Structure formats: C-alpha cells, structure tokens
Amino acid sequence: MEQIRRLVEQDEVLAVFQSLGTPSNTAIQKYLNAKRVPQLFAATGATKWGDPQNFPWTIGWQPSYQAEGHIYAKYVLQNRPNARIALLYQNDDYGKDYVRGLRDGLGAKASLIVK
C-alpha cells in the first residue's frame, strides 16, 4: 500500500497496470478508486474485479476463477459422471470463487462433492 501511495502521490503515475494477486489488489483497490487512478488488468481471476458500480477504475484481466470452476464441472459431468469429489481450497476469494463455480457448474449433481 505504501508503494502504491508513493507512486500515486509522489510519482504521479497515470495508472497501475497488471498488478499481481488477489490480496495485494484488494489492498489497493479502494485507494486507487478514491484517487481515480485506473487499476488496469488486475492479474487475478477473483470475481470481485467485475464491479463497475462500486469500483469503476478497476478492470480485471483473466477469466474468473468461478468460470474455471464451471469448466472443471463440465469436464467432470462429461467424463466422470459418477465421480466422488473432494475439494481442497484456499479459504480466500480465490478458493471460494472456485468452489462456487464448481458447485454452480455441477448444478443438480453438486452432491458429487463429498468433502
């Protein structure tokens, strides 16, 4: 946060481009939007980067982790329709988006997730 503050206030940067990681981008998002400094192509797939109502100066870059979860679900349903699925995930935006995407993608078959 201090480096972003220095870049904005002392170096007067035009924008912050493709900063990496959900936690670090989350830490600077409110500040950059308050200062009206574009946070372009945040290098994270958390769904939170698609919120132009609240954060109009922030644009995500990669497909969301939730969309990736949907893709995995589609694969499981097509190739392993009787699978038993155990999930090991990070307890943060990244992990929760994957779980949400997988559950949504499995739909009525979400019971395949056993742990």
Protein backbone atom coordinates (compact mmCIF):
# COMPACT_ATOMS: atom_id res chain seq x y z
CA MET A 1 0.00 0.00 0.00
CA GLU A 2 2.79 2.41 0.82
CA GLN A 3 4.45 1.84 -2.56
CA ILE A 4 1.18 2.49 -4.37
CA ARG A 5 0.66 5.64 -2.33
CA ARG A 6 4.17 6.80 -3.30
CA LEU A 7 3.56 6.01 -6.97
CA VAL A 8 0.30 7.96 -6.98
CA GLU A 9 1.20 10.91 -4.76
CA GLN A 10 4.89 11.44 -5.48
CA ASP A 11 5.48 9.94 -8.92
CA GLU A 12 2.01 10.88 -10.19
CA VAL A 13 1.54 7.70 -12.22
CA LEU A 14 -1.20 7.63 -14.83
CA ALA A 15 -2.33 4.09 -13.96
CA VAL A 16 -1.36 0.85 -12.24
CA PHE A 17 -1.09 -1.95 -14.79
CA GLN A 18 -1.48 -5.69 -14.16
CA SER A 19 -0.50 -5.84 -10.51
CA LEU A 20 -0.41 -9.47 -9.36
CA GLY A 21 -2.55 -11.26 -6.79
CA THR A 22 -5.97 -11.03 -5.22
CA PRO A 23 -4.86 -9.93 -1.72
CA SER A 24 -2.48 -7.22 -2.96
CA ASN A 25 -5.00 -5.86 -5.48
CA THR A 26 -7.73 -5.89 -2.84
CA ALA A 27 -5.48 -3.88 -0.52
CA ILE A 28 -5.03 -1.08 -3.07
CA GLN A 29 -8.41 -1.12 -4.83
CA LYS A 30 -10.32 1.36 -2.60
CA TYR A 31 -7.40 3.78 -2.51
CA LEU A 32 -6.87 3.78 -6.28
CA ASN A 33 -10.59 4.22 -6.96
CA ALA A 34 -10.81 7.06 -4.43
CA LYS A 35 -7.89 8.77 -6.21
CA ARG A 36 -9.42 7.96 -9.64
CA VAL A 37 -6.27 6.16 -10.76
CA PRO A 38 -7.04 3.31 -13.17
CA GLN A 39 -6.20 -0.14 -11.84
CA LEU A 40 -5.89 -1.83 -15.21
CA PHE A 41 -5.94 -5.58 -15.84
CA ALA A 42 -5.51 -6.75 -12.25
CA ALA A 43 -3.77 -10.11 -12.61
CA THR A 44 -6.25 -12.14 -10.62
CA GLY A 45 -9.34 -14.12 -11.51
CA ALA A 46 -11.45 -13.23 -8.48
CA THR A 47 -14.99 -12.28 -9.46
CA LYS A 48 -14.75 -9.09 -7.41
CA TRP A 49 -12.94 -7.29 -10.26
CA GLY A 50 -16.13 -7.09 -12.31
CA ASP A 51 -17.87 -4.46 -10.14
CA PRO A 52 -18.01 -1.22 -12.15
CA GLN A 53 -20.82 0.21 -9.98
CA ASN A 54 -18.60 0.33 -6.88
CA PHE A 55 -15.11 0.33 -8.45
CA PRO A 56 -15.27 1.99 -11.86
CA TRP A 57 -11.49 2.49 -12.00
CA THR A 58 -10.68 -1.22 -11.63
CA ILE A 59 -10.61 -3.70 -14.52
CA GLY A 60 -9.77 -7.38 -14.14
CA TRP A 61 -7.75 -9.24 -16.73
CA GLN A 62 -8.09 -13.01 -16.70
CA PRO A 63 -11.15 -15.27 -16.75
CA SER A 64 -12.69 -15.58 -13.32
CA TYR A 65 -11.86 -18.46 -11.01
CA GLN A 66 -15.61 -19.06 -10.87
CA ALA A 67 -15.68 -19.56 -14.66
CA GLU A 68 -12.79 -22.01 -14.35
CA GLY A 69 -14.79 -23.93 -11.72
CA HIS A 70 -17.64 -24.18 -14.23
CA ILE A 71 -15.22 -25.60 -16.81
CA TYR A 72 -13.99 -28.26 -14.36
CA ALA A 73 -17.59 -29.16 -13.52
CA LYS A 74 -18.44 -29.55 -17.19
CA TYR A 75 -15.44 -31.85 -17.64
CA VAL A 76 -16.42 -33.98 -14.63
CA LEU A 77 -20.04 -34.29 -15.79
CA GLN A 78 -18.99 -35.34 -19.28
CA ASN A 79 -16.09 -37.64 -18.40
CA ARG A 80 -16.65 -38.83 -14.82
CA PRO A 81 -20.40 -38.52 -14.19
CA ASN A 82 -20.28 -40.81 -11.12
CA ALA A 83 -17.18 -39.25 -9.57
CA ARG A 84 -16.82 -38.53 -5.88
CA ILE A 85 -15.21 -35.12 -5.50
CA ALA A 86 -13.18 -33.87 -2.54
CA LEU A 87 -12.15 -30.21 -2.60
CA LEU A 88 -9.02 -28.74 -1.10
CA TYR A 89 -9.07 -24.97 -1.50
CA GLN A 90 -7.70 -21.76 -0.07
CA ASN A 91 -10.04 -20.01 2.35
CA ASP A 92 -9.99 -16.69 0.49
CA ASP A 93 -11.58 -15.03 -2.57
CA TYR A 94 -9.57 -17.29 -4.88
CA GLY A 95 -10.64 -20.57 -3.32
CA LYS A 96 -14.22 -19.59 -2.62
CA ASP A 97 -14.75 -18.49 -6.23
CA TYR A 98 -13.51 -21.89 -7.49
CA VAL A 99 -15.84 -23.74 -5.11
CA ARG A 100 -18.80 -21.54 -6.10
CA GLY A 101 -18.07 -22.13 -9.79
CA LEU A 102 -17.73 -25.88 -9.35
CA ARG A 103 -20.97 -26.14 -7.34
CA ASP A 104 -22.87 -23.96 -9.80
CA GLY A 105 -21.46 -25.89 -12.75
CA LEU A 106 -22.44 -29.23 -11.25
CA GLY A 107 -25.97 -27.97 -10.64
CA ALA A 108 -28.24 -30.85 -9.57
CA LYS A 109 -25.14 -33.07 -9.34
CA ALA A 110 -23.43 -30.90 -6.67
CA SER A 111 -23.86 -33.85 -4.32
CA LEU A 112 -20.86 -35.38 -6.12
CA ILE A 113 -18.83 -33.15 -3.80
CA VAL A 114 -18.39 -35.34 -0.72
CA LYS A 115 -15.74 -33.37 1.21
